[in-house]
Amino acid sequence: MQAVTIKAIGYISSLLGSSEVMVACDYPVPVSTILDELRSKYPLFSKYAGQLENIEESVLILADGRDMQLDSLVEPGKQLVLVTPVSGG
């Protein structure tokens, strides 16, 4: 069984309880499927995601340095990075 590695940065890592988790998959899957898997395994992430109107506007999702959309496919063995944007001055 292969997996996609999720690298969580900032607040997301506290919701997942780790800065890195794995989601098992043997074939390319959409980002939305990976997020659904995280929601089912991590209640704090599920609660946070459930409060968001649009997760793509509140969480930066990257793979290979590219911005990913919910329907973007992620290959097994790849790393997906989840970052909560920081603002301030």
C-alpha atoms as a PDB file:
ATOM      1  CA  MET A   1       0.000   0.000   0.000  1.00  0.00           C
ATOM      2  CA  GLN A   2       1.344   3.389  -0.984  1.00  0.00           C
ATOM      3  CA  ALA A   3       0.496   6.730   0.587  1.00  0.00           C
ATOM      4  CA  VAL A   4       0.453  10.477   0.198  1.00  0.00           C
ATOM      5  CA  THR A   5       2.436  12.294   2.878  1.00  0.00           C
ATOM      6  CA  ILE A   6       0.682  15.276   4.425  1.00  0.00           C
ATOM      7  CA  LYS A   7       3.042  17.932   5.754  1.00  0.00           C
ATOM      8  CA  ALA A   8       1.097  20.189   8.090  1.00  0.00           C
ATOM      9  CA  ILE A   9       2.467  23.639   8.866  1.00  0.00           C
ATOM     10  CA  GLY A  10       1.265  26.048  11.527  1.00  0.00           C
ATOM     11  CA  TYR A  11      -2.164  25.626  13.062  1.00  0.00           C
ATOM     12  CA  ILE A  12      -2.980  22.587  10.900  1.00  0.00           C
ATOM     13  CA  SER A  13      -0.204  20.570  12.587  1.00  0.00           C
ATOM     14  CA  SER A  14      -1.838  21.118  15.988  1.00  0.00           C
ATOM     15  CA  LEU A  15      -5.184  19.940  14.589  1.00  0.00           C
ATOM     16  CA  LEU A  16      -3.577  16.743  13.252  1.00  0.00           C
ATOM     17  CA  GLY A  17      -1.383  16.256  16.316  1.00  0.00           C
ATOM     18  CA  SER A  18       1.706  16.006  14.108  1.00  0.00           C
ATOM     19  CA  SER A  19       3.573  17.934  11.462  1.00  0.00           C
ATOM     20  CA  GLU A  20       3.443  14.900   9.161  1.00  0.00           C
ATOM     21  CA  VAL A  21       0.793  12.224   8.587  1.00  0.00           C
ATOM     22  CA  MET A  22       0.156   9.651   5.875  1.00  0.00           C
ATOM     23  CA  VAL A  23      -2.990   8.936   3.868  1.00  0.00           C
ATOM     24  CA  ALA A  24      -2.997   5.520   2.197  1.00  0.00           C
ATOM     25  CA  CYS A  25      -3.746   5.341  -1.529  1.00  0.00           C
ATOM     26  CA  ASP A  26      -2.636   3.127  -4.405  1.00  0.00           C
ATOM     27  CA  TYR A  27      -3.698   5.396  -7.261  1.00  0.00           C
ATOM     28  CA  PRO A  28      -4.013   9.154  -7.913  1.00  0.00           C
ATOM     29  CA  VAL A  29      -6.760  10.718  -5.800  1.00  0.00           C
ATOM     30  CA  PRO A  30      -8.280  14.213  -5.708  1.00  0.00           C
ATOM     31  CA  VAL A  31      -7.236  16.580  -2.936  1.00  0.00           C
ATOM     32  CA  SER A  32     -10.857  16.530  -1.717  1.00  0.00           C
ATOM     33  CA  THR A  33     -10.601  12.778  -1.047  1.00  0.00           C
ATOM     34  CA  ILE A  34      -7.447  13.290   1.009  1.00  0.00           C
ATOM     35  CA  LEU A  35      -9.130  16.053   3.019  1.00  0.00           C
ATOM     36  CA  ASP A  36     -12.155  13.793   3.605  1.00  0.00           C
ATOM     37  CA  GLU A  37      -9.803  11.118   4.945  1.00  0.00           C
ATOM     38  CA  LEU A  38      -8.186  13.649   7.287  1.00  0.00           C
ATOM     39  CA  ARG A  39     -11.636  14.753   8.487  1.00  0.00           C
ATOM     40  CA  SER A  40     -12.581  11.146   9.276  1.00  0.00           C
ATOM     41  CA  LYS A  41      -9.356  10.416  11.206  1.00  0.00           C
ATOM     42  CA  TYR A  42      -8.761  13.710  13.015  1.00  0.00           C
ATOM     43  CA  PRO A  43     -11.760  15.191  14.882  1.00  0.00           C
ATOM     44  CA  LEU A  44     -10.081  18.555  15.541  1.00  0.00           C
ATOM     45  CA  PHE A  45      -9.312  18.966  11.832  1.00  0.00           C
ATOM     46  CA  SER A  46     -12.873  17.929  10.996  1.00  0.00           C
ATOM     47  CA  LYS A  47     -14.290  20.532  13.366  1.00  0.00           C
ATOM     48  CA  TYR A  48     -12.001  23.248  11.950  1.00  0.00           C
ATOM     49  CA  ALA A  49     -12.775  22.332   8.328  1.00  0.00           C
ATOM     50  CA  GLY A  50     -16.497  22.208   9.111  1.00  0.00           C
ATOM     51  CA  GLN A  51     -16.392  25.815  10.303  1.00  0.00           C
ATOM     52  CA  LEU A  52     -14.860  27.051   7.057  1.00  0.00           C
ATOM     53  CA  GLU A  53     -17.032  28.367   4.295  1.00  0.00           C
ATOM     54  CA  ASN A  54     -14.461  27.324   1.698  1.00  0.00           C
ATOM     55  CA  ILE A  55     -11.366  25.356   2.759  1.00  0.00           C
ATOM     56  CA  GLU A  56      -9.453  26.467  -0.352  1.00  0.00           C
ATOM     57  CA  GLU A  57      -9.713  30.093   0.804  1.00  0.00           C
ATOM     58  CA  SER A  58      -8.612  29.309   4.379  1.00  0.00           C
ATOM     59  CA  VAL A  59      -5.927  26.668   3.856  1.00  0.00           C
ATOM     60  CA  LEU A  60      -3.111  26.828   1.307  1.00  0.00           C
ATOM     61  CA  ILE A  61      -2.766  23.393  -0.321  1.00  0.00           C
ATOM     62  CA  LEU A  62       0.479  22.748  -2.199  1.00  0.00           C
ATOM     63  CA  ALA A  63       2.126  19.855  -4.033  1.00  0.00           C
ATOM     64  CA  ASP A  64       5.520  20.220  -5.709  1.00  0.00           C
ATOM     65  CA  GLY A  65       5.351  23.959  -4.971  1.00  0.00           C
ATOM     66  CA  ARG A  66       2.103  24.338  -6.937  1.00  0.00           C
ATOM     67  CA  ASP A  67      -1.194  25.551  -5.566  1.00  0.00           C
ATOM     68  CA  MET A  68      -3.686  22.670  -5.623  1.00  0.00           C
ATOM     69  CA  GLN A  69      -7.466  22.767  -6.003  1.00  0.00           C
ATOM     70  CA  LEU A  70      -9.947  20.291  -4.484  1.00  0.00           C
ATOM     71  CA  ASP A  71     -10.224  18.426  -7.783  1.00  0.00           C
ATOM     72  CA  SER A  72      -6.431  18.314  -8.391  1.00  0.00           C
ATOM     73  CA  LEU A  73      -5.064  14.754  -8.459  1.00  0.00           C
ATOM     74  CA  VAL A  74      -2.263  13.716  -6.102  1.00  0.00           C
ATOM     75  CA  GLU A  75      -0.102  10.706  -6.975  1.00  0.00           C
ATOM     76  CA  PRO A  76       0.873   8.092  -4.368  1.00  0.00           C
ATOM     77  CA  GLY A  77       4.331   8.841  -2.983  1.00  0.00           C
ATOM     78  CA  LYS A  78       3.856  12.614  -3.306  1.00  0.00           C
ATOM     79  CA  GLN A  79       3.795  15.145  -0.491  1.00  0.00           C
ATOM     80  CA  LEU A  80       0.855  17.473   0.047  1.00  0.00           C
ATOM     81  CA  VAL A  81       1.528  20.564   2.167  1.00  0.00           C
ATOM     82  CA  LEU A  82      -1.267  22.205   4.173  1.00  0.00           C
ATOM     83  CA  VAL A  83      -0.599  25.720   5.480  1.00  0.00           C
ATOM     84  CA  THR A  84      -2.859  28.212   7.189  1.00  0.00           C
ATOM     85  CA  PRO A  85      -2.063  31.619   5.684  1.00  0.00           C
ATOM     86  CA  VAL A  86      -0.620  34.156   8.090  1.00  0.00           C
ATOM     87  CA  SER A  87      -1.463  37.819   7.901  1.00  0.00           C
ATOM     88  CA  GLY A  88      -0.572  40.807   9.938  1.00  0.00           C
ATOM     89  CA  GLY A  89       1.763  43.663   9.971  1.00  0.00           C
END
